[in-house]
Amino acid sequence: QARYWLSRGNLLEGHDTAAAEAAFQQAIEVSDPQPGLALYGSRGRIGLARIRHMDQSRLQDAVALYADALSRLRAMRDLPVYALTKPEVELAELLARLGRVQEAEALLEPAYQRSLEGLGPTYRDTVQTGLRLARLWRNTGRVPQAAALLQDLERAHLASPALRQDVVTLPALRRERADIEGRLGQWALAATRMREALARSEEHTSELQSRLHLVCRLLLE
């Protein structure tokens, strides 16, 4: 039952938030009385928090739900530590939005280091957490720190032949680096970095619009 309500909440979340909220609440109510279902109860709270995060009047409720879910997850034995990363990042973004920057950083820094050490610098969670941490540092005036972090992530991607063709992560990293280099007054570097990001994105768009890709899209539709 808990798994059903979670799946229903995840399916409805994008287009019927009231029904999704009810499903997540049901998942919590089914899971909480049974210690063996603690993971489902935590996921239900995270789902509810995501929905309330979108409502300006319920941001504090979202913070409380994220904190409760993380507390329950940390108390679980044998849970992979990187399973905490996504809810920690989501809570950190919410805290930063509320101006609680130090609390946000206290979540993001260890989450990034844990992902970096456990999964490597090219893993999606590592990159996404690193990007968010770099933006937080950039927005709080620690621009050189943010630049160094982004440079390390980009170098790791360029060191892998398979990842050099990445059409999502590399352009994102380069756009962030261009923004930071502009803030540092390094206009030529910023312009070069932005051209690299745009060139790779346009190349990807061109590939998607080739005859073969258009035929495949038509068949799928």
N, C-alpha and C. Protein backbone atom coordinates (compact mmCIF):
# COMPACT_ATOMS: atom_id res chain seq x y z
N GLN A 1 0.82 -1.21 0.00
CA GLN A 1 0.00 0.00 0.00
C GLN A 1 0.86 1.27 0.00
N ALA A 2 1.91 1.27 0.82
CA ALA A 2 2.78 2.45 0.89
C ALA A 2 3.42 2.71 -0.46
N ARG A 3 3.89 1.64 -1.10
CA ARG A 3 4.53 1.79 -2.42
C ARG A 3 3.52 2.30 -3.45
N TYR A 4 2.30 1.81 -3.38
CA TYR A 4 1.26 2.26 -4.31
C TYR A 4 1.02 3.76 -4.16
N TRP A 5 0.85 4.23 -2.90
CA TRP A 5 0.56 5.65 -2.68
C TRP A 5 1.72 6.54 -3.09
N LEU A 6 2.94 6.06 -2.87
CA LEU A 6 4.10 6.83 -3.32
C LEU A 6 4.13 6.94 -4.84
N SER A 7 3.90 5.82 -5.51
CA SER A 7 3.90 5.83 -6.97
C SER A 7 2.81 6.75 -7.50
N ARG A 8 1.65 6.70 -6.88
CA ARG A 8 0.53 7.56 -7.30
C ARG A 8 0.89 9.03 -7.10
N GLY A 9 1.49 9.34 -5.97
CA GLY A 9 1.89 10.73 -5.71
C GLY A 9 2.90 11.23 -6.72
N ASN A 10 3.89 10.39 -7.05
CA ASN A 10 4.91 10.79 -8.03
C ASN A 10 4.30 11.01 -9.41
N LEU A 11 3.32 10.17 -9.77
CA LEU A 11 2.67 10.31 -11.09
C LEU A 11 1.82 11.57 -11.17
N LEU A 12 1.16 11.91 -10.09
CA LEU A 12 0.23 13.05 -10.09
C LEU A 12 0.91 14.39 -9.82
N GLU A 13 2.13 14.35 -9.30
CA GLU A 13 2.78 15.56 -8.80
C GLU A 13 2.85 16.68 -9.83
N GLY A 14 3.09 16.31 -11.10
CA GLY A 14 3.28 17.33 -12.12
C GLY A 14 2.02 18.01 -12.60
N HIS A 15 0.83 17.40 -12.39
CA HIS A 15 -0.36 18.01 -12.97
C HIS A 15 -1.57 18.08 -12.04
N ASP A 16 -1.52 17.41 -10.88
CA ASP A 16 -2.63 17.50 -9.93
C ASP A 16 -2.04 17.49 -8.52
N THR A 17 -1.60 18.65 -8.07
CA THR A 17 -0.87 18.70 -6.81
C THR A 17 -1.72 18.32 -5.61
N ALA A 18 -3.02 18.65 -5.66
CA ALA A 18 -3.88 18.31 -4.52
C ALA A 18 -3.99 16.79 -4.37
N ALA A 19 -4.18 16.08 -5.49
CA ALA A 19 -4.28 14.63 -5.44
C ALA A 19 -2.93 14.01 -5.05
N ALA A 20 -1.85 14.60 -5.57
CA ALA A 20 -0.51 14.10 -5.22
C ALA A 20 -0.24 14.27 -3.73
N GLU A 21 -0.63 15.42 -3.19
CA GLU A 21 -0.43 15.68 -1.77
C GLU A 21 -1.21 14.68 -0.92
N ALA A 22 -2.42 14.38 -1.35
CA ALA A 22 -3.23 13.40 -0.61
C ALA A 22 -2.59 12.02 -0.67
N ALA A 23 -2.02 11.66 -1.82
CA ALA A 23 -1.38 10.35 -1.97
C ALA A 23 -0.13 10.25 -1.08
N PHE A 24 0.67 11.30 -1.06
CA PHE A 24 1.87 11.29 -0.21
C PHE A 24 1.48 11.21 1.27
N GLN A 25 0.43 11.92 1.63
CA GLN A 25 -0.05 11.88 3.02
C GLN A 25 -0.51 10.48 3.38
N GLN A 26 -1.17 9.83 2.44
CA GLN A 26 -1.63 8.46 2.67
C GLN A 26 -0.45 7.51 2.84
N ALA A 27 0.60 7.71 2.04
CA ALA A 27 1.81 6.88 2.16
C ALA A 27 2.42 7.02 3.55
N ILE A 28 2.42 8.25 4.08
CA ILE A 28 2.96 8.48 5.43
C ILE A 28 2.11 7.76 6.47
N GLU A 29 0.79 7.90 6.35
CA GLU A 29 -0.11 7.30 7.34
C GLU A 29 -0.03 5.78 7.34
N VAL A 30 0.16 5.19 6.17
CA VAL A 30 0.29 3.73 6.07
C VAL A 30 1.63 3.26 6.62
N SER A 31 2.69 4.05 6.40
CA SER A 31 4.05 3.62 6.74
C SER A 31 4.42 3.84 8.20
N ASP A 32 3.99 4.96 8.78
CA ASP A 32 4.49 5.35 10.10
C ASP A 32 4.26 4.30 11.21
N PRO A 33 3.12 3.60 11.23
CA PRO A 33 2.95 2.62 12.31
C PRO A 33 3.87 1.39 12.20
N GLN A 34 4.53 1.21 11.06
CA GLN A 34 5.34 0.02 10.84
C GLN A 34 6.81 0.41 10.65
N PRO A 35 7.68 0.10 11.62
CA PRO A 35 9.09 0.47 11.54
C PRO A 35 9.78 0.00 10.25
N GLY A 36 9.36 -1.12 9.73
CA GLY A 36 9.97 -1.65 8.51
C GLY A 36 9.67 -0.83 7.26
N LEU A 37 8.72 0.09 7.37
CA LEU A 37 8.34 0.92 6.22
C LEU A 37 8.82 2.36 6.37
N ALA A 38 9.83 2.56 7.21
CA ALA A 38 10.32 3.92 7.48
C ALA A 38 10.78 4.63 6.22
N LEU A 39 11.38 3.88 5.29
CA LEU A 39 11.86 4.50 4.05
C LEU A 39 10.70 5.10 3.26
N TYR A 40 9.58 4.39 3.21
CA TYR A 40 8.42 4.89 2.47
C TYR A 40 7.83 6.13 3.14
N GLY A 41 7.80 6.13 4.48
CA GLY A 41 7.31 7.30 5.19
C GLY A 41 8.18 8.52 4.92
N SER A 42 9.50 8.29 4.87
CA SER A 42 10.41 9.41 4.58
C SER A 42 10.21 9.93 3.17
N ARG A 43 10.03 9.02 2.23
CA ARG A 43 9.81 9.45 0.84
C ARG A 43 8.48 10.18 0.69
N GLY A 44 7.48 9.76 1.45
CA GLY A 44 6.21 10.48 1.43
C GLY A 44 6.38 11.91 1.92
N ARG A 45 7.17 12.08 2.98
CA ARG A 45 7.43 13.43 3.51
C ARG A 45 8.20 14.28 2.49
N ILE A 46 9.14 13.67 1.80
CA ILE A 46 9.90 14.40 0.77
C ILE A 46 8.98 14.83 -0.37
N GLY A 47 8.07 13.94 -0.77
CA GLY A 47 7.10 14.30 -1.81
C GLY A 47 6.22 15.46 -1.38
N LEU A 48 5.73 15.40 -0.14
CA LEU A 48 4.91 16.51 0.38
C LEU A 48 5.72 17.81 0.43
N ALA A 49 6.98 17.70 0.83
CA ALA A 49 7.83 18.89 0.92
C ALA A 49 8.02 19.52 -0.45
N ARG A 50 8.21 18.70 -1.48
CA ARG A 50 8.38 19.24 -2.84
C ARG A 50 7.16 20.04 -3.27
N ILE A 51 5.98 19.53 -2.94
CA ILE A 51 4.75 20.24 -3.32
C ILE A 51 4.63 21.55 -2.54
N ARG A 52 4.91 21.51 -1.25
CA ARG A 52 4.77 22.72 -0.43
C ARG A 52 5.86 23.74 -0.73
N HIS A 53 6.97 23.26 -1.25
CA HIS A 53 8.06 24.15 -1.68
C HIS A 53 7.58 25.12 -2.76
N MET A 54 6.58 24.68 -3.54
CA MET A 54 6.07 25.50 -4.64
C MET A 54 5.07 26.56 -4.18
N ASP A 55 4.67 26.51 -2.92
CA ASP A 55 3.68 27.44 -2.38
C ASP A 55 4.37 28.38 -1.39
N GLN A 56 4.43 29.65 -1.73
CA GLN A 56 5.14 30.63 -0.91
C GLN A 56 4.64 30.65 0.54
N SER A 57 3.37 30.35 0.73
CA SER A 57 2.80 30.42 2.08
C SER A 57 3.12 29.18 2.92
N ARG A 58 3.70 28.15 2.29
CA ARG A 58 3.96 26.91 3.04
C ARG A 58 5.44 26.51 3.01
N LEU A 59 6.31 27.46 2.83
CA LEU A 59 7.74 27.14 2.76
C LEU A 59 8.27 26.59 4.07
N GLN A 60 7.80 27.14 5.18
CA GLN A 60 8.26 26.64 6.48
C GLN A 60 7.79 25.21 6.72
N ASP A 61 6.59 24.88 6.24
CA ASP A 61 6.11 23.49 6.32
C ASP A 61 7.04 22.57 5.54
N ALA A 62 7.46 23.04 4.35
CA ALA A 62 8.35 22.24 3.52
C ALA A 62 9.68 21.99 4.22
N VAL A 63 10.23 23.03 4.87
CA VAL A 63 11.49 22.88 5.61
C VAL A 63 11.34 21.81 6.69
N ALA A 64 10.24 21.88 7.44
CA ALA A 64 10.01 20.93 8.53
C ALA A 64 9.88 19.49 7.99
N LEU A 65 9.20 19.33 6.88
CA LEU A 65 9.04 18.00 6.29
C LEU A 65 10.37 17.44 5.80
N TYR A 66 11.17 18.27 5.12
CA TYR A 66 12.49 17.82 4.67
C TYR A 66 13.35 17.41 5.88
N ALA A 67 13.36 18.25 6.91
CA ALA A 67 14.19 17.97 8.09
C ALA A 67 13.75 16.67 8.77
N ASP A 68 12.45 16.47 8.87
CA ASP A 68 11.91 15.24 9.48
C ASP A 68 12.31 14.02 8.64
N ALA A 69 12.15 14.12 7.32
CA ALA A 69 12.49 13.00 6.44
C ALA A 69 13.98 12.66 6.55
N LEU A 70 14.83 13.68 6.54
CA LEU A 70 16.28 13.44 6.63
C LEU A 70 16.66 12.83 7.97
N SER A 71 16.02 13.28 9.03
CA SER A 71 16.29 12.71 10.35
C SER A 71 15.96 11.22 10.38
N ARG A 72 14.85 10.86 9.77
CA ARG A 72 14.44 9.45 9.71
C ARG A 72 15.38 8.63 8.82
N LEU A 73 15.78 9.21 7.70
CA LEU A 73 16.69 8.50 6.80
C LEU A 73 18.05 8.26 7.46
N ARG A 74 18.56 9.27 8.16
CA ARG A 74 19.87 9.13 8.81
C ARG A 74 19.84 8.08 9.92
N ALA A 75 18.66 7.85 10.49
CA ALA A 75 18.55 6.87 11.57
C ALA A 75 18.47 5.43 11.04
N MET A 76 18.30 5.29 9.73
CA MET A 76 18.15 3.95 9.15
C MET A 76 19.51 3.28 8.97
N ARG A 77 19.58 2.02 9.30
CA ARG A 77 20.81 1.26 9.11
C ARG A 77 20.90 0.79 7.66
N ASP A 78 22.13 0.66 7.20
CA ASP A 78 22.41 0.11 5.86
C ASP A 78 21.87 0.96 4.72
N LEU A 79 21.50 2.20 5.00
CA LEU A 79 21.06 3.08 3.92
C LEU A 79 22.30 3.70 3.28
N PRO A 80 22.47 3.59 1.95
CA PRO A 80 23.64 4.22 1.31
C PRO A 80 23.64 5.72 1.59
N VAL A 81 24.80 6.25 1.97
CA VAL A 81 24.84 7.66 2.37
C VAL A 81 24.44 8.59 1.23
N TYR A 82 24.71 8.17 -0.04
CA TYR A 82 24.35 9.05 -1.15
C TYR A 82 22.84 9.12 -1.37
N ALA A 83 22.07 8.25 -0.68
CA ALA A 83 20.61 8.34 -0.76
C ALA A 83 20.10 9.62 -0.10
N LEU A 84 20.96 10.24 0.71
CA LEU A 84 20.58 11.49 1.38
C LEU A 84 20.77 12.70 0.48
N THR A 85 21.54 12.55 -0.60
CA THR A 85 21.98 13.71 -1.37
C THR A 85 20.83 14.53 -1.94
N LYS A 86 19.90 13.88 -2.62
CA LYS A 86 18.84 14.64 -3.29
C LYS A 86 17.98 15.43 -2.30
N PRO A 87 17.47 14.80 -1.22
CA PRO A 87 16.68 15.62 -0.28
C PRO A 87 17.51 16.69 0.41
N GLU A 88 18.80 16.43 0.66
CA GLU A 88 19.65 17.47 1.26
C GLU A 88 19.80 18.67 0.32
N VAL A 89 19.99 18.38 -0.96
CA VAL A 89 20.14 19.46 -1.95
C VAL A 89 18.85 20.25 -2.07
N GLU A 90 17.71 19.55 -2.10
CA GLU A 90 16.42 20.24 -2.21
C GLU A 90 16.17 21.13 -0.99
N LEU A 91 16.51 20.61 0.21
CA LEU A 91 16.34 21.42 1.42
C LEU A 91 17.29 22.60 1.40
N ALA A 92 18.53 22.39 0.95
CA ALA A 92 19.50 23.48 0.88
C ALA A 92 19.01 24.60 -0.03
N GLU A 93 18.43 24.24 -1.18
CA GLU A 93 17.90 25.26 -2.10
C GLU A 93 16.78 26.05 -1.43
N LEU A 94 15.94 25.36 -0.68
CA LEU A 94 14.83 26.03 0.01
C LEU A 94 15.37 26.97 1.10
N LEU A 95 16.35 26.50 1.86
CA LEU A 95 16.93 27.33 2.91
C LEU A 95 17.60 28.58 2.33
N ALA A 96 18.31 28.41 1.20
CA ALA A 96 18.94 29.56 0.54
C ALA A 96 17.88 30.56 0.09
N ARG A 97 16.78 30.04 -0.41
CA ARG A 97 15.68 30.90 -0.86
C ARG A 97 15.12 31.71 0.31
N LEU A 98 15.15 31.12 1.52
CA LEU A 98 14.64 31.80 2.71
C LEU A 98 15.70 32.67 3.37
N GLY A 99 16.89 32.74 2.75
CA GLY A 99 17.96 33.57 3.29
C GLY A 99 18.79 32.88 4.36
N ARG A 100 18.58 31.60 4.57
CA ARG A 100 19.33 30.84 5.59
C ARG A 100 20.54 30.18 4.92
N VAL A 101 21.44 31.04 4.49
CA VAL A 101 22.54 30.61 3.63
C VAL A 101 23.52 29.69 4.34
N GLN A 102 23.84 29.97 5.58
CA GLN A 102 24.79 29.13 6.31
C GLN A 102 24.27 27.72 6.49
N GLU A 103 22.97 27.59 6.77
CA GLU A 103 22.38 26.26 6.90
C GLU A 103 22.40 25.53 5.56
N ALA A 104 22.15 26.26 4.49
CA ALA A 104 22.19 25.66 3.15
C ALA A 104 23.58 25.14 2.84
N GLU A 105 24.58 25.95 3.14
CA GLU A 105 25.96 25.54 2.87
C GLU A 105 26.36 24.33 3.73
N ALA A 106 25.88 24.30 4.97
CA ALA A 106 26.19 23.18 5.86
C ALA A 106 25.62 21.87 5.34
N LEU A 107 24.60 21.92 4.52
CA LEU A 107 24.06 20.72 3.87
C LEU A 107 24.79 20.41 2.57
N LEU A 108 25.04 21.44 1.76
CA LEU A 108 25.59 21.23 0.43
C LEU A 108 27.05 20.76 0.45
N GLU A 109 27.88 21.35 1.30
CA GLU A 109 29.31 21.00 1.30
C GLU A 109 29.55 19.53 1.60
N PRO A 110 29.01 18.98 2.70
CA PRO A 110 29.24 17.54 2.95
C PRO A 110 28.56 16.65 1.91
N ALA A 111 27.40 17.08 1.39
CA ALA A 111 26.72 16.28 0.36
C ALA A 111 27.60 16.19 -0.89
N TYR A 112 28.21 17.31 -1.27
CA TYR A 112 29.10 17.32 -2.43
C TYR A 112 30.34 16.46 -2.19
N GLN A 113 30.98 16.61 -1.04
CA GLN A 113 32.17 15.82 -0.74
C GLN A 113 31.87 14.33 -0.68
N ARG A 114 30.74 13.99 -0.09
CA ARG A 114 30.34 12.58 0.01
C ARG A 114 30.12 11.98 -1.38
N SER A 115 29.46 12.73 -2.24
CA SER A 115 29.20 12.26 -3.59
C SER A 115 30.50 12.21 -4.40
N LEU A 116 31.36 13.20 -4.22
CA LEU A 116 32.63 13.25 -4.93
C LEU A 116 33.50 12.05 -4.57
N GLU A 117 33.59 11.75 -3.27
CA GLU A 117 34.44 10.66 -2.81
C GLU A 117 33.83 9.28 -3.08
N GLY A 118 32.51 9.19 -2.95
CA GLY A 118 31.87 7.89 -3.10
C GLY A 118 31.50 7.51 -4.52
N LEU A 119 31.19 8.51 -5.34
CA LEU A 119 30.69 8.24 -6.69
C LEU A 119 31.60 8.78 -7.80
N GLY A 120 32.45 9.75 -7.46
CA GLY A 120 33.36 10.31 -8.47
C GLY A 120 32.88 11.64 -9.00
N PRO A 121 33.78 12.41 -9.63
CA PRO A 121 33.46 13.78 -10.06
C PRO A 121 32.55 13.87 -11.28
N THR A 122 32.38 12.78 -12.03
CA THR A 122 31.56 12.85 -13.24
C THR A 122 30.15 12.31 -13.04
N TYR A 123 29.87 11.79 -11.85
CA TYR A 123 28.53 11.26 -11.59
C TYR A 123 27.52 12.40 -11.53
N ARG A 124 26.32 12.14 -12.03
CA ARG A 124 25.32 13.20 -12.17
C ARG A 124 25.04 13.92 -10.84
N ASP A 125 24.86 13.15 -9.75
CA ASP A 125 24.57 13.77 -8.46
C ASP A 125 25.71 14.66 -8.00
N THR A 126 26.95 14.23 -8.27
CA THR A 126 28.12 15.03 -7.88
C THR A 126 28.10 16.36 -8.62
N VAL A 127 27.87 16.30 -9.93
CA VAL A 127 27.89 17.51 -10.74
C VAL A 127 26.77 18.46 -10.34
N GLN A 128 25.57 17.93 -10.17
CA GLN A 128 24.43 18.79 -9.82
C GLN A 128 24.61 19.43 -8.45
N THR A 129 25.14 18.65 -7.50
CA THR A 129 25.39 19.21 -6.17
C THR A 129 26.50 20.24 -6.23
N GLY A 130 27.55 19.95 -7.02
CA GLY A 130 28.64 20.90 -7.19
C GLY A 130 28.18 22.20 -7.82
N LEU A 131 27.32 22.12 -8.82
CA LEU A 131 26.78 23.32 -9.46
C LEU A 131 26.01 24.18 -8.45
N ARG A 132 25.20 23.54 -7.64
CA ARG A 132 24.42 24.29 -6.66
C ARG A 132 25.31 24.94 -5.60
N LEU A 133 26.35 24.20 -5.18
CA LEU A 133 27.27 24.76 -4.20
C LEU A 133 28.04 25.94 -4.81
N ALA A 134 28.46 25.80 -6.06
CA ALA A 134 29.17 26.90 -6.74
C ALA A 134 28.28 28.13 -6.86
N ARG A 135 26.99 27.94 -7.17
CA ARG A 135 26.07 29.08 -7.27
C ARG A 135 25.90 29.76 -5.92
N LEU A 136 25.82 28.94 -4.86
CA LEU A 136 25.68 29.52 -3.52
C LEU A 136 26.91 30.35 -3.19
N TRP A 137 28.10 29.82 -3.46
CA TRP A 137 29.33 30.57 -3.21
C TRP A 137 29.39 31.84 -4.05
N ARG A 138 28.99 31.71 -5.32
CA ARG A 138 28.99 32.88 -6.20
C ARG A 138 28.08 33.98 -5.66
N ASN A 139 26.89 33.58 -5.23
CA ASN A 139 25.90 34.56 -4.76
C ASN A 139 26.24 35.16 -3.40
N THR A 140 27.17 34.52 -2.67
CA THR A 140 27.56 35.04 -1.37
C THR A 140 28.97 35.65 -1.41
N GLY A 141 29.45 35.93 -2.63
CA GLY A 141 30.71 36.65 -2.77
C GLY A 141 31.97 35.83 -2.80
N ARG A 142 31.84 34.49 -2.70
CA ARG A 142 33.04 33.64 -2.73
C ARG A 142 33.28 33.15 -4.16
N VAL A 143 33.49 34.10 -5.03
CA VAL A 143 33.60 33.82 -6.46
C VAL A 143 34.82 32.95 -6.80
N PRO A 144 36.02 33.22 -6.25
CA PRO A 144 37.16 32.35 -6.58
C PRO A 144 36.94 30.89 -6.18
N GLN A 145 36.30 30.66 -5.03
CA GLN A 145 36.00 29.29 -4.60
C GLN A 145 35.07 28.61 -5.60
N ALA A 146 34.05 29.34 -6.02
CA ALA A 146 33.10 28.79 -6.99
C ALA A 146 33.80 28.47 -8.31
N ALA A 147 34.68 29.37 -8.75
CA ALA A 147 35.41 29.17 -10.01
C ALA A 147 36.27 27.92 -9.95
N ALA A 148 36.96 27.71 -8.81
CA ALA A 148 37.84 26.55 -8.67
C ALA A 148 37.04 25.24 -8.69
N LEU A 149 35.89 25.25 -8.04
CA LEU A 149 35.05 24.04 -8.00
C LEU A 149 34.57 23.68 -9.41
N LEU A 150 34.08 24.67 -10.14
CA LEU A 150 33.59 24.43 -11.50
C LEU A 150 34.71 23.99 -12.43
N GLN A 151 35.89 24.55 -12.26
CA GLN A 151 37.02 24.16 -13.08
C GLN A 151 37.37 22.69 -12.85
N ASP A 152 37.36 22.25 -11.59
CA ASP A 152 37.64 20.85 -11.28
C ASP A 152 36.62 19.91 -11.93
N LEU A 153 35.35 20.29 -11.88
CA LEU A 153 34.30 19.46 -12.47
C LEU A 153 34.43 19.38 -13.99
N GLU A 154 34.73 20.52 -14.61
CA GLU A 154 34.88 20.53 -16.07
C GLU A 154 36.09 19.70 -16.50
N ARG A 155 37.19 19.83 -15.77
CA ARG A 155 38.39 19.05 -16.10
C ARG A 155 38.12 17.55 -16.01
N ALA A 156 37.37 17.14 -14.99
CA ALA A 156 37.05 15.72 -14.84
C ALA A 156 36.25 15.22 -16.03
N HIS A 157 35.33 16.04 -16.53
CA HIS A 157 34.55 15.63 -17.70
C HIS A 157 35.41 15.57 -18.96
N LEU A 158 36.29 16.54 -19.12
CA LEU A 158 37.14 16.57 -20.32
C LEU A 158 38.17 15.45 -20.31
N ALA A 159 38.49 14.91 -19.13
CA ALA A 159 39.46 13.83 -19.03
C ALA A 159 38.88 12.50 -19.51
N SER A 160 37.57 12.43 -19.63
CA SER A 160 36.91 11.20 -20.09
C SER A 160 36.45 11.37 -21.54
N PRO A 161 37.01 10.57 -22.46
CA PRO A 161 36.61 10.71 -23.88
C PRO A 161 35.10 10.60 -24.09
N ALA A 162 34.46 9.72 -23.34
CA ALA A 162 33.01 9.52 -23.50
C ALA A 162 32.22 10.75 -23.09
N LEU A 163 32.75 11.48 -22.09
CA LEU A 163 32.00 12.63 -21.56
C LEU A 163 32.31 13.93 -22.27
N ARG A 164 33.31 13.93 -23.14
CA ARG A 164 33.63 15.15 -23.88
C ARG A 164 32.49 15.56 -24.81
N GLN A 165 31.66 14.58 -25.19
CA GLN A 165 30.54 14.86 -26.10
C GLN A 165 29.26 15.21 -25.34
N ASP A 166 29.36 15.31 -24.03
CA ASP A 166 28.20 15.62 -23.21
C ASP A 166 27.56 16.93 -23.67
N VAL A 167 26.27 16.87 -23.96
CA VAL A 167 25.58 18.06 -24.49
C VAL A 167 24.73 18.76 -23.43
N VAL A 168 24.77 18.26 -22.20
CA VAL A 168 23.99 18.87 -21.13
C VAL A 168 24.91 19.41 -20.03
N THR A 169 25.71 18.52 -19.45
CA THR A 169 26.51 18.91 -18.29
C THR A 169 27.61 19.89 -18.65
N LEU A 170 28.37 19.60 -19.71
CA LEU A 170 29.48 20.49 -20.07
C LEU A 170 29.00 21.91 -20.40
N PRO A 171 27.96 22.06 -21.23
CA PRO A 171 27.46 23.43 -21.47
C PRO A 171 27.01 24.12 -20.17
N ALA A 172 26.38 23.36 -19.27
CA ALA A 172 25.94 23.97 -17.99
C ALA A 172 27.14 24.45 -17.18
N LEU A 173 28.18 23.61 -17.10
CA LEU A 173 29.38 24.00 -16.37
C LEU A 173 30.04 25.22 -17.00
N ARG A 174 30.07 25.24 -18.34
CA ARG A 174 30.72 26.36 -19.03
C ARG A 174 29.94 27.65 -18.89
N ARG A 175 28.62 27.56 -18.89
CA ARG A 175 27.81 28.77 -18.68
C ARG A 175 28.05 29.34 -17.28
N GLU A 176 28.12 28.45 -16.29
CA GLU A 176 28.39 28.91 -14.93
C GLU A 176 29.78 29.54 -14.83
N ARG A 177 30.76 28.90 -15.47
CA ARG A 177 32.12 29.46 -15.44
C ARG A 177 32.17 30.81 -16.15
N ALA A 178 31.43 30.93 -17.26
CA ALA A 178 31.40 32.21 -17.98
C ALA A 178 30.83 33.31 -17.10
N ASP A 179 29.78 33.00 -16.35
CA ASP A 179 29.18 33.98 -15.46
C ASP A 179 30.19 34.43 -14.40
N ILE A 180 30.90 33.47 -13.83
CA ILE A 180 31.87 33.79 -12.77
C ILE A 180 33.05 34.58 -13.33
N GLU A 181 33.54 34.17 -14.51
CA GLU A 181 34.66 34.89 -15.12
C GLU A 181 34.27 36.32 -15.47
N GLY A 182 33.01 36.52 -15.86
CA GLY A 182 32.52 37.87 -16.09
C GLY A 182 32.53 38.69 -14.81
N ARG A 183 32.15 38.08 -13.70
CA ARG A 183 32.15 38.78 -12.42
C ARG A 183 33.57 39.15 -11.97
N LEU A 184 34.53 38.32 -12.41
CA LEU A 184 35.93 38.59 -12.07
C LEU A 184 36.59 39.56 -13.05
N GLY A 185 35.82 40.01 -14.04
CA GLY A 185 36.36 40.94 -15.03
C GLY A 185 37.17 40.27 -16.13
N GLN A 186 37.08 38.94 -16.21
CA GLN A 186 37.83 38.20 -17.23
C GLN A 186 36.92 38.04 -18.47
N TRP A 187 36.70 39.15 -19.16
CA TRP A 187 35.68 39.18 -20.21
C TRP A 187 36.02 38.28 -21.39
N ALA A 188 37.27 38.23 -21.79
CA ALA A 188 37.66 37.40 -22.94
C ALA A 188 37.43 35.92 -22.63
N LEU A 189 37.84 35.51 -21.42
CA LEU A 189 37.61 34.11 -21.01
C LEU A 189 36.12 33.80 -20.95
N ALA A 190 35.35 34.72 -20.38
CA ALA A 190 33.91 34.52 -20.26
C ALA A 190 33.26 34.37 -21.63
N ALA A 191 33.67 35.21 -22.59
CA ALA A 191 33.11 35.14 -23.94
C ALA A 191 33.46 33.81 -24.61
N THR A 192 34.71 33.37 -24.44
CA THR A 192 35.14 32.09 -25.02
C THR A 192 34.34 30.94 -24.43
N ARG A 193 34.18 30.97 -23.11
CA ARG A 193 33.47 29.90 -22.42
C ARG A 193 32.01 29.84 -22.88
N MET A 194 31.38 31.00 -23.03
CA MET A 194 29.98 31.03 -23.45
C MET A 194 29.84 30.54 -24.88
N ARG A 195 30.79 30.90 -25.75
CA ARG A 195 30.75 30.41 -27.14
C ARG A 195 30.87 28.90 -27.17
N GLU A 196 31.73 28.33 -26.33
CA GLU A 196 31.89 26.87 -26.27
C GLU A 196 30.58 26.20 -25.83
N ALA A 197 29.94 26.78 -24.82
CA ALA A 197 28.69 26.22 -24.32
C ALA A 197 27.61 26.29 -25.39
N LEU A 198 27.49 27.45 -26.06
CA LEU A 198 26.47 27.62 -27.09
C LEU A 198 26.73 26.73 -28.30
N ALA A 199 28.01 26.58 -28.67
CA ALA A 199 28.35 25.76 -29.83
C ALA A 199 27.95 24.32 -29.61
N ARG A 200 28.21 23.80 -28.41
CA ARG A 200 27.86 22.40 -28.13
C ARG A 200 26.35 22.22 -28.08
N SER A 201 25.64 23.21 -27.51
CA SER A 201 24.18 23.11 -27.45
C SER A 201 23.57 23.18 -28.85
N GLU A 202 24.10 24.09 -29.70
CA GLU A 202 23.58 24.22 -31.08
C GLU A 202 23.89 22.98 -31.90
N GLU A 203 25.08 22.40 -31.65
CA GLU A 203 25.45 21.17 -32.35
C GLU A 203 24.47 20.06 -32.01
N HIS A 204 24.10 20.00 -30.73
CA HIS A 204 23.14 18.98 -30.29
C HIS A 204 21.79 19.21 -30.94
N THR A 205 21.36 20.48 -31.01
CA THR A 205 20.08 20.80 -31.65
C THR A 205 20.10 20.40 -33.12
N SER A 206 21.22 20.67 -33.78
CA SER A 206 21.36 20.30 -35.19
C SER A 206 21.26 18.79 -35.37
N GLU A 207 21.91 18.05 -34.44
CA GLU A 207 21.86 16.59 -34.51
C GLU A 207 20.43 16.09 -34.37
N LEU A 208 19.68 16.70 -33.45
CA LEU A 208 18.31 16.27 -33.21
C LEU A 208 17.40 16.58 -34.40
N GLN A 209 17.79 17.59 -35.19
CA GLN A 209 16.94 17.98 -36.31
C GLN A 209 17.33 17.29 -37.62
N SER A 210 18.32 16.38 -37.57
CA SER A 210 18.70 15.65 -38.77
C SER A 210 17.53 14.80 -39.24
N ARG A 211 17.59 14.37 -40.50
CA ARG A 211 16.48 13.60 -41.08
C ARG A 211 16.20 12.34 -40.27
N LEU A 212 17.26 11.60 -39.89
CA LEU A 212 17.08 10.36 -39.14
C LEU A 212 16.37 10.62 -37.82
N HIS A 213 16.82 11.65 -37.10
CA HIS A 213 16.20 11.94 -35.82
C HIS A 213 14.75 12.38 -35.98
N LEU A 214 14.45 13.14 -37.05
CA LEU A 214 13.07 13.56 -37.28
C LEU A 214 12.17 12.37 -37.58
N VAL A 215 12.67 11.42 -38.35
CA VAL A 215 11.90 10.20 -38.66
C VAL A 215 11.64 9.42 -37.38
N CYS A 216 12.68 9.27 -36.54
CA CYS A 216 12.52 8.55 -35.29
C CYS A 216 11.49 9.23 -34.38
N ARG A 217 11.53 10.55 -34.31
CA ARG A 217 10.56 11.27 -33.49
C ARG A 217 9.14 11.06 -34.00
N LEU A 218 8.96 11.09 -35.33
CA LEU A 218 7.64 10.89 -35.90
C LEU A 218 7.12 9.47 -35.60
N LEU A 219 8.02 8.49 -35.69
CA LEU A 219 7.62 7.11 -35.40
C LEU A 219 7.22 6.95 -33.94
N LEU A 220 7.99 7.59 -33.04
CA LEU A 220 7.68 7.51 -31.61
C LEU A 220 6.35 8.18 -31.29
N GLU A 221 6.08 9.29 -31.98
CA GLU A 221 4.81 10.00 -31.73
C GLU A 221 3.63 9.23 -32.31
